Amino acid sequence: MDLDPGSPAYGTVVNVHDLPVAGDELHHFGWNVCSAALCPYAPHPHVERRYLIVPGLRSSRIYVFDTKPDPLRPVLVKTIEPETILDRTGYSRPHTVHCGTDAIYVSALGNAEGDAPGGVFMLDHDTFEPLGRWEVDRGPQRLHYDFWWHLGHDTMITSEWGTPNMIEAGPDLELLLGRQYGHRLHVWDLRKRVHLQEIDLGDQYQMALELRPAHDPTRTHGFVNTVISVEDLSANIFTWWLDGGTWRAEKVITIPAEPADPAVLPEPLKQFGAVPPLVSDIALTLDDRILLVSAWGTGELLAFDVSDPRNPKQTGSARLGGIAARAAHPKAPGRPLNGGPQMVEASRDGRRAYFTNSLYRSWDEVFYPDGISSWLVKVDIAEDGSIALDPDFFVDFSADGRRAHQVRLQGGDASSDSYCFP
């Protein structure tokens, strides 16, 4: 996409690369290297931020694209087949990519059979070959979703969603009411690769997903979202922090469900007469000040000042889409939109954020049974933390049936870098 406001092609798709094999369903992807490669204990000064590592969640296949020759036309230079990943790591369904100090780290949701455990494996910085499973001693950890770290404290944090067999057919109401989806954080020794501590957020808070640690390596706090409370349909944000030698977490934001006419709700929600926020992503600006929260169900992007991480203050809101609301974009005011704010990415200057509206095909079809008509939009972030939709930026994918999920920005973004130096 062209993101230059001065360009005649602003807000349009300038190139598409269709992959050679059907059925990959791409979710999260990331750069091969970032500032973590400059950490003094494992330096890789020769590598460049030029390759995008793109996992296929359904297929367990990983693609590597080179963006250096022409950033508008990335070239597919390597494909890692699922059999190679399974053989060398024991994992399947690669999901999230982070560039680390010593390798490229990739999360995986399950094992070869689609069951637990899920975990993390590594790719070589230079050859992109799978090096193997990361965990040496996983302790009680079985479910997995996201992972991030505090490099200055040799600590990794991981979160939980569910195994592939728990999620691939769509949300399972029996599992949800049985409180069987993930609701824990796990703390690890990043160097020794061993499990140190489990933090249970409470089994009513189902699906602990996105981890956003402070970018400042001297600070030991971060944020995680839980998608839904089985007690009141709310979504919640927790802050974790290091207290002495123990990691703790507490709920700091609750986003309530919104009443709605059952006639406009999909079947699973009719009995409740309400729309859950279904917070599916969060993003923290590079200065660790503004937290953006995507409420995919209600169709709202919220902004909070988290300068005091245990006492957030809401600073803004923008509405678009939503299960019941179907709020329109300023560029197409007469068109009701489905889907809602989903994956959100903040620019490194903290003044822009981009978000998409498709979560996961089998889950899209449950909550938006009329089918996701996909789009990508932009909000501007003001100095006071308020946000406003850019009225000129509306990328419409509906004509070709594509569903947009994650956004990465040329040269890096707020959720793809980690630092050894403040």
Protein backbone atom coordinates (compact mmCIF):
# COMPACT_ATOMS: atom_id res chain seq x y z
CA MET A 1 0.00 0.00 0.00
CA ASP A 2 1.10 3.55 -0.69
CA LEU A 3 1.15 5.45 2.63
CA ASP A 4 2.62 8.72 1.36
CA PRO A 5 -0.06 11.46 1.66
CA GLY A 6 1.70 13.40 -1.08
CA SER A 7 1.52 10.55 -3.57
CA PRO A 8 -1.20 10.28 -6.24
CA ALA A 9 -1.49 6.60 -5.23
CA TYR A 10 -2.04 7.40 -1.53
CA GLY A 11 -4.29 4.86 0.14
CA THR A 12 -4.25 2.38 -2.72
CA VAL A 13 -2.80 -1.08 -3.31
CA VAL A 14 0.30 -0.76 -5.48
CA ASN A 15 1.30 -4.42 -5.60
CA VAL A 16 -0.02 -7.88 -4.67
CA HIS A 17 1.97 -11.08 -4.38
CA ASP A 18 -0.21 -14.17 -4.61
CA LEU A 19 1.44 -17.18 -3.00
CA PRO A 20 2.01 -20.36 -5.03
CA VAL A 21 0.07 -22.73 -2.75
CA ALA A 22 -3.53 -22.35 -1.57
CA GLY A 23 -4.59 -22.71 2.05
CA ASP A 24 -1.86 -20.87 3.96
CA GLU A 25 -4.04 -18.22 5.71
CA LEU A 26 -1.35 -15.70 6.62
CA HIS A 27 -1.69 -14.07 10.05
CA HIS A 28 1.27 -12.43 11.77
CA PHE A 29 4.57 -11.79 10.04
CA GLY A 30 7.70 -9.93 10.97
CA TRP A 31 11.12 -8.65 10.06
CA ASN A 32 14.21 -10.84 10.08
CA VAL A 33 16.12 -8.38 12.26
CA CYS A 34 15.56 -5.35 14.45
CA SER A 35 17.40 -3.34 17.10
CA ALA A 36 17.71 -6.44 19.30
CA ALA A 37 20.43 -7.67 16.91
CA LEU A 38 22.70 -4.95 18.28
CA CYS A 39 22.61 -6.21 21.87
CA PRO A 40 26.19 -6.60 23.13
CA TYR A 41 25.89 -10.20 24.33
CA ALA A 42 24.74 -11.54 20.93
CA PRO A 43 25.55 -8.91 18.27
CA HIS A 44 24.69 -9.39 14.61
CA PRO A 45 25.85 -6.07 13.10
CA HIS A 46 26.06 -7.56 9.60
CA VAL A 47 22.37 -8.35 9.17
CA GLU A 48 19.87 -5.98 7.54
CA ARG A 49 16.17 -5.38 8.17
CA ARG A 50 15.19 -6.47 4.68
CA TYR A 51 13.45 -9.85 4.88
CA LEU A 52 9.85 -10.45 5.88
CA ILE A 53 9.16 -13.81 7.51
CA VAL A 54 5.59 -14.79 6.64
CA PRO A 55 4.06 -17.90 8.29
CA GLY A 56 1.01 -19.68 6.94
CA LEU A 57 -1.09 -20.45 10.02
CA ARG A 58 -3.24 -23.15 8.43
CA SER A 59 -0.53 -24.77 6.34
CA SER A 60 2.46 -24.52 8.71
CA ARG A 61 4.47 -23.27 5.73
CA ILE A 62 6.79 -20.24 6.06
CA TYR A 63 7.71 -17.82 3.27
CA VAL A 64 10.68 -15.43 3.22
CA PHE A 65 10.39 -12.24 1.15
CA ASP A 66 13.26 -9.92 0.26
CA THR A 67 12.15 -6.27 0.29
CA LYS A 68 15.51 -4.64 -0.50
CA PRO A 69 15.67 -4.73 -4.31
CA ASP A 70 12.29 -2.98 -4.59
CA PRO A 71 10.17 -2.39 -1.46
CA LEU A 72 7.07 -2.08 -3.66
CA ARG A 73 7.65 -5.54 -5.11
CA PRO A 74 9.04 -7.93 -2.48
CA VAL A 75 10.52 -11.10 -3.95
CA LEU A 76 9.85 -14.58 -2.56
CA VAL A 77 13.32 -16.02 -1.96
CA LYS A 78 12.69 -19.04 0.30
CA THR A 79 9.90 -21.39 1.30
CA ILE A 80 10.14 -23.58 4.39
CA GLU A 81 7.81 -26.54 4.01
CA PRO A 82 5.67 -27.76 6.93
CA GLU A 83 7.41 -31.12 6.99
CA THR A 84 10.74 -29.40 7.70
CA ILE A 85 9.27 -27.38 10.56
CA LEU A 86 7.58 -30.42 12.11
CA ASP A 87 10.71 -32.55 11.77
CA ARG A 88 13.08 -30.01 13.32
CA THR A 89 10.83 -28.45 15.97
CA GLY A 90 7.89 -30.77 16.65
CA TYR A 91 5.55 -27.77 16.21
CA SER A 92 2.85 -26.79 13.74
CA ARG A 93 0.79 -23.67 12.93
CA PRO A 94 3.48 -20.96 13.10
CA HIS A 95 1.89 -17.67 14.03
CA THR A 96 3.98 -14.75 15.34
CA VAL A 97 7.50 -13.70 14.32
CA HIS A 98 9.92 -11.63 16.42
CA CYS A 99 13.53 -10.81 15.64
CA GLY A 100 15.73 -11.67 18.59
CA THR A 101 19.30 -11.16 19.63
CA ASP A 102 20.54 -14.54 18.46
CA ALA A 103 17.93 -15.78 15.99
CA ILE A 104 14.48 -15.21 14.54
CA TYR A 105 11.86 -16.44 17.01
CA VAL A 106 8.53 -17.90 15.84
CA SER A 107 5.56 -18.95 17.93
CA ALA A 108 3.55 -22.07 17.11
CA LEU A 109 0.08 -22.93 18.38
CA GLY A 110 0.42 -26.69 18.66
CA ASN A 111 2.15 -29.95 17.85
CA ALA A 112 1.93 -32.10 14.73
CA GLU A 113 -1.49 -33.44 15.74
CA GLY A 114 -2.90 -29.99 16.45
CA ASP A 115 -2.83 -30.53 20.21
CA ALA A 116 -0.69 -29.18 23.07
CA PRO A 117 1.96 -28.13 23.65
CA GLY A 118 2.43 -25.05 21.57
CA GLY A 119 5.57 -23.01 21.96
CA VAL A 120 8.44 -21.19 20.29
CA PHE A 121 11.05 -22.24 17.76
CA MET A 122 13.95 -20.42 16.14
CA LEU A 123 15.17 -19.71 12.62
CA ASP A 124 18.77 -18.90 11.72
CA HIS A 125 19.31 -15.16 11.10
CA ASP A 126 21.17 -15.78 7.83
CA THR A 127 19.86 -18.99 6.25
CA PHE A 128 16.34 -18.94 7.76
CA GLU A 129 16.65 -22.64 8.43
CA PRO A 130 14.70 -23.92 11.49
CA LEU A 131 17.14 -24.40 14.38
CA GLY A 132 14.78 -26.25 16.70
CA ARG A 133 12.43 -25.88 19.62
CA TRP A 134 13.30 -23.05 22.01
CA GLU A 135 12.08 -24.45 25.35
CA VAL A 136 14.44 -26.56 27.43
CA ASP A 137 12.06 -26.93 30.40
CA ARG A 138 8.48 -25.73 29.80
CA GLY A 139 7.17 -26.55 33.29
CA PRO A 140 3.33 -26.40 33.34
CA GLN A 141 2.99 -24.44 30.09
CA ARG A 142 0.83 -26.16 27.43
CA LEU A 143 -1.30 -23.57 25.59
CA HIS A 144 0.43 -20.83 23.63
CA TYR A 145 -0.20 -17.72 21.59
CA ASP A 146 2.09 -14.68 21.73
CA PHE A 147 5.55 -14.08 23.19
CA TRP A 148 7.75 -11.07 23.91
CA TRP A 149 10.58 -10.22 26.24
CA HIS A 150 12.36 -7.82 28.56
CA LEU A 151 15.88 -8.07 27.14
CA GLY A 152 17.47 -6.14 30.00
CA HIS A 153 16.16 -8.71 32.45
CA ASP A 154 16.69 -11.87 30.38
CA THR A 155 12.95 -12.55 30.64
CA MET A 156 10.42 -13.85 28.14
CA ILE A 157 6.65 -13.62 28.64
CA THR A 158 4.21 -15.90 26.76
CA SER A 159 0.42 -15.91 26.53
CA GLU A 160 -2.33 -18.44 25.74
CA TRP A 161 -5.16 -18.84 23.22
CA GLY A 162 -5.80 -22.51 22.45
CA THR A 163 -4.54 -25.45 20.44
CA PRO A 164 -5.24 -25.65 16.70
CA ASN A 165 -7.89 -28.29 17.41
CA MET A 166 -9.60 -25.84 19.80
CA ILE A 167 -9.73 -22.89 17.39
CA GLU A 168 -9.59 -23.94 13.76
CA ALA A 169 -13.31 -24.77 13.42
CA GLY A 170 -14.29 -21.47 15.04
CA PRO A 171 -15.09 -20.53 18.64
CA ASP A 172 -16.40 -23.44 20.71
CA LEU A 173 -19.09 -22.30 23.16
CA GLU A 174 -18.65 -25.44 25.27
CA LEU A 175 -14.92 -24.79 25.66
CA LEU A 176 -15.60 -21.12 26.37
CA LEU A 177 -18.21 -21.73 29.08
CA GLY A 178 -16.00 -24.50 30.45
CA ARG A 179 -13.23 -21.90 30.77
CA GLN A 180 -10.87 -24.08 28.75
CA TYR A 181 -9.24 -21.42 26.56
CA GLY A 182 -6.05 -19.74 27.71
CA HIS A 183 -6.03 -17.37 30.69
CA ARG A 184 -2.43 -17.45 31.90
CA LEU A 185 0.87 -15.72 31.34
CA HIS A 186 4.13 -17.63 31.58
CA VAL A 187 7.48 -16.14 32.63
CA TRP A 188 10.70 -17.65 31.31
CA ASP A 189 14.44 -17.26 31.70
CA LEU A 190 15.29 -16.02 28.21
CA ARG A 191 18.91 -17.22 28.28
CA LYS A 192 18.39 -20.59 29.99
CA ARG A 193 15.07 -21.23 28.19
CA VAL A 194 13.35 -22.55 31.29
CA HIS A 195 9.95 -21.79 32.79
CA LEU A 196 10.08 -19.63 35.92
CA GLN A 197 6.55 -18.59 36.86
CA GLU A 198 2.89 -18.91 35.89
CA ILE A 199 0.47 -15.99 36.31
CA ASP A 200 -3.21 -16.97 36.22
CA LEU A 201 -5.30 -13.96 35.19
CA GLY A 202 -8.48 -15.79 36.26
CA ASP A 203 -10.28 -18.45 34.23
CA GLN A 204 -13.25 -16.14 33.62
CA TYR A 205 -10.95 -14.05 31.41
CA GLN A 206 -10.74 -16.24 28.34
CA MET A 207 -8.11 -16.01 25.59
CA ALA A 208 -5.08 -14.06 26.80
CA LEU A 209 -3.65 -12.86 23.51
CA GLU A 210 -1.41 -9.97 22.55
CA LEU A 211 1.63 -9.04 24.66
CA ARG A 212 2.98 -5.50 24.53
CA PRO A 213 5.97 -4.95 26.87
CA ALA A 214 7.43 -1.51 27.44
CA HIS A 215 9.93 -0.63 24.72
CA ASP A 216 12.26 1.02 27.24
CA PRO A 217 14.50 -1.88 28.35
CA THR A 218 14.89 -0.40 31.83
CA ARG A 219 11.14 -0.74 32.50
CA THR A 220 9.62 -4.05 33.56
CA HIS A 221 5.96 -3.76 32.70
CA GLY A 222 3.70 -4.57 29.80
CA PHE A 223 0.10 -5.15 28.75
CA VAL A 224 -1.99 -8.12 27.65
CA ASN A 225 -5.60 -8.30 26.46
CA THR A 226 -8.17 -10.96 27.24
CA VAL A 227 -10.87 -11.36 24.58
CA ILE A 228 -13.96 -12.10 26.65
CA SER A 229 -15.14 -12.59 30.21
CA VAL A 230 -17.57 -15.48 30.57
CA GLU A 231 -19.19 -13.61 33.45
CA ASP A 232 -20.25 -10.39 31.69
CA LEU A 233 -18.95 -10.53 28.07
CA SER A 234 -16.50 -7.70 28.77
CA ALA A 235 -12.97 -7.50 27.38
CA ASN A 236 -10.13 -6.65 29.72
CA ILE A 237 -6.57 -5.33 29.69
CA PHE A 238 -4.04 -6.41 32.32
CA THR A 239 -0.73 -4.82 33.27
CA TRP A 240 2.14 -7.06 34.33
CA TRP A 241 5.19 -5.83 36.21
CA LEU A 242 8.17 -7.06 38.21
CA ASP A 243 7.66 -6.68 41.95
CA GLY A 244 10.92 -7.51 43.69
CA GLY A 245 11.72 -10.95 42.34
CA THR A 246 8.13 -11.85 41.43
CA TRP A 247 6.16 -10.99 38.30
CA ARG A 248 2.60 -9.86 38.96
CA ALA A 249 -0.44 -8.84 36.88
CA GLU A 250 -3.61 -6.91 37.58
CA LYS A 251 -6.64 -5.85 35.56
CA VAL A 252 -6.45 -2.13 34.68
CA ILE A 253 -9.03 -1.65 31.90
CA THR A 254 -12.49 -3.16 31.47
CA ILE A 255 -14.42 -2.58 28.24
CA PRO A 256 -18.07 -3.58 28.75
CA ALA A 257 -20.41 -5.32 26.33
CA GLU A 258 -22.94 -3.09 24.56
CA PRO A 259 -26.71 -3.85 24.50
CA ALA A 260 -28.09 -4.62 21.04
CA ASP A 261 -31.28 -5.82 19.36
CA PRO A 262 -31.10 -9.63 19.18
CA ALA A 263 -32.54 -9.45 15.66
CA VAL A 264 -29.29 -7.98 14.32
CA LEU A 265 -26.98 -10.32 16.22
CA PRO A 266 -25.41 -13.56 14.98
CA GLU A 267 -26.78 -16.75 16.47
CA PRO A 268 -24.28 -17.20 19.36
CA LEU A 269 -25.06 -13.70 20.70
CA LYS A 270 -28.86 -13.53 20.31
CA GLN A 271 -29.44 -15.06 23.75
CA PHE A 272 -27.40 -12.31 25.39
CA GLY A 273 -28.91 -9.30 23.62
CA ALA A 274 -25.49 -7.68 23.71
CA VAL A 275 -22.30 -7.32 21.67
CA PRO A 276 -19.04 -8.23 23.41
CA PRO A 277 -16.09 -5.97 22.57
CA LEU A 278 -13.99 -9.01 21.59
CA VAL A 279 -10.69 -7.15 21.96
CA SER A 280 -8.36 -8.93 19.56
CA ASP A 281 -5.29 -6.70 19.47
CA ILE A 282 -3.47 -3.94 21.32
CA ALA A 283 -0.55 -1.72 20.27
CA LEU A 284 1.80 0.38 22.38
CA THR A 285 3.46 3.46 20.89
CA LEU A 286 7.24 3.52 20.88
CA ASP A 287 7.39 6.08 23.71
CA ASP A 288 5.34 3.68 25.89
CA ARG A 289 2.67 6.37 26.34
CA ILE A 290 -0.40 5.47 24.23
CA LEU A 291 -2.04 2.05 24.19
CA LEU A 292 -4.40 1.37 21.28
CA VAL A 293 -7.10 -1.26 21.83
CA SER A 294 -9.09 -2.95 19.05
CA ALA A 295 -12.68 -3.90 19.96
CA TRP A 296 -13.49 -6.09 16.96
CA GLY A 297 -17.01 -6.92 18.14
CA THR A 298 -18.34 -3.45 18.94
CA GLY A 299 -16.39 -1.74 16.16
CA GLU A 300 -14.28 0.64 18.21
CA LEU A 301 -10.61 1.57 18.42
CA LEU A 302 -9.84 3.00 21.86
CA ALA A 303 -6.78 4.94 23.00
CA PHE A 304 -5.44 5.11 26.56
CA ASP A 305 -2.63 7.10 28.14
CA VAL A 306 -0.60 4.46 29.99
CA SER A 307 2.21 6.71 31.23
CA ASP A 308 1.17 5.32 34.61
CA PRO A 309 0.85 1.68 33.49
CA ARG A 310 -1.33 0.67 36.44
CA ASN A 311 -3.69 3.62 36.07
CA PRO A 312 -4.59 4.10 32.36
CA LYS A 313 -6.72 7.05 31.26
CA GLN A 314 -8.82 6.90 28.10
CA THR A 315 -7.84 9.61 25.63
CA GLY A 316 -9.77 8.78 22.47
CA SER A 317 -12.07 6.56 20.45
CA ALA A 318 -12.93 5.94 16.80
CA ARG A 319 -15.85 3.83 15.55
CA LEU A 320 -15.86 1.69 12.42
CA GLY A 321 -17.82 -1.45 11.56
CA GLY A 322 -19.05 -3.59 14.43
CA ILE A 323 -21.36 -6.59 14.73
CA ALA A 324 -24.43 -4.42 15.36
CA ALA A 325 -23.31 -0.85 14.61
CA ARG A 326 -21.85 -1.27 11.09
CA ALA A 327 -20.39 2.24 11.34
CA ALA A 328 -19.30 3.76 8.02
CA HIS A 329 -16.00 5.39 7.06
CA PRO A 330 -15.91 9.13 6.20
CA LYS A 331 -14.72 8.29 2.68
CA ALA A 332 -17.77 6.04 2.09
CA PRO A 333 -20.40 7.51 4.43
CA GLY A 334 -23.33 5.60 2.94
CA ARG A 335 -21.75 2.16 3.18
CA PRO A 336 -22.29 0.11 6.37
CA LEU A 337 -19.09 -1.76 7.20
CA ASN A 338 -18.71 -5.16 8.77
CA GLY A 339 -15.78 -6.47 10.68
CA GLY A 340 -14.25 -4.03 13.10
CA PRO A 341 -10.87 -2.74 14.32
CA GLN A 342 -8.69 -5.84 14.50
CA MET A 343 -4.91 -5.94 14.01
CA VAL A 344 -3.54 -2.46 14.72
CA GLU A 345 -0.04 -1.17 14.00
CA ALA A 346 1.44 2.12 15.19
CA SER A 347 4.13 4.02 13.32
CA ARG A 348 7.48 4.59 14.99
CA ASP A 349 6.76 8.31 15.44
CA GLY A 350 3.60 7.46 17.36
CA ARG A 351 1.42 9.73 15.23
CA ARG A 352 -0.25 7.19 12.95
CA ALA A 353 -1.89 3.81 13.33
CA TYR A 354 -3.32 1.46 10.73
CA PHE A 355 -5.86 -1.29 11.36
CA THR A 356 -7.66 -4.03 9.47
CA ASN A 357 -10.92 -5.90 10.04
CA SER A 358 -10.46 -9.66 9.50
CA LEU A 359 -9.59 -11.86 12.47
CA TYR A 360 -9.54 -15.51 11.34
CA ARG A 361 -11.71 -16.94 8.58
CA SER A 362 -13.58 -19.50 10.68
CA TRP A 363 -14.14 -16.92 13.45
CA ASP A 364 -15.11 -14.16 10.99
CA GLU A 365 -17.96 -16.31 9.74
CA VAL A 366 -19.42 -16.89 13.20
CA PHE A 367 -19.55 -13.24 14.29
CA TYR A 368 -20.03 -11.69 10.84
CA PRO A 369 -22.03 -14.40 9.02
CA ASP A 370 -22.76 -12.10 6.05
CA GLY A 371 -19.05 -12.37 5.26
CA ILE A 372 -16.20 -10.00 5.92
CA SER A 373 -15.86 -7.24 3.33
CA SER A 374 -12.29 -6.35 4.09
CA TRP A 375 -10.64 -2.95 4.47
CA LEU A 376 -7.60 -1.15 5.86
CA VAL A 377 -7.85 2.31 7.43
CA LYS A 378 -5.68 4.84 9.27
CA VAL A 379 -6.10 6.96 12.37
CA ASP A 380 -4.08 10.01 13.30
CA ILE A 381 -2.90 10.21 16.92
CA ALA A 382 -2.79 13.72 18.39
CA GLU A 383 -0.34 14.88 21.03
CA ASP A 384 -3.03 14.54 23.73
CA GLY A 385 -3.70 10.92 22.74
CA SER A 386 -6.97 11.58 20.94
CA ILE A 387 -7.48 9.71 17.67
CA ALA A 388 -9.36 10.49 14.45
CA LEU A 389 -9.95 8.52 11.26
CA ASP A 390 -8.07 9.84 8.24
CA PRO A 391 -10.99 10.71 5.90
CA ASP A 392 -8.84 10.13 2.80
CA PHE A 393 -7.41 6.71 3.68
CA PHE A 394 -9.73 3.76 3.04
CA VAL A 395 -8.27 0.71 1.28
CA ASP A 396 -11.10 -1.53 0.09
CA PHE A 397 -10.30 -5.21 -0.54
CA SER A 398 -13.91 -6.30 -1.16
CA ALA A 399 -13.68 -6.41 -4.96
CA ASP A 400 -11.23 -9.34 -5.01
CA GLY A 401 -12.38 -11.10 -1.84
CA ARG A 402 -9.10 -10.71 0.02
CA ARG A 403 -9.18 -10.35 3.80
CA ALA A 404 -6.60 -8.06 5.36
CA HIS A 405 -5.11 -9.09 8.70
CA GLN A 406 -1.77 -7.67 9.85
CA VAL A 407 0.13 -4.55 8.75
CA ARG A 408 3.89 -4.05 8.71
CA LEU A 409 5.51 -0.72 7.92
CA GLN A 410 8.61 -0.22 5.81
CA GLY A 411 11.62 0.23 8.09
CA GLY A 412 9.88 -1.14 11.17
CA ASP A 413 6.99 -0.27 13.44
CA ALA A 414 6.07 -0.07 17.11
CA SER A 415 5.35 -3.78 17.63
CA SER A 416 8.32 -5.26 15.75
CA ASP A 417 11.30 -3.79 17.59
CA SER A 418 12.88 -4.53 20.95
CA TYR A 419 15.86 -2.74 22.45
CA CYS A 420 18.85 -3.35 24.69
CA PHE A 421 19.48 0.35 25.20
CA PRO A 422 17.02 3.03 26.39
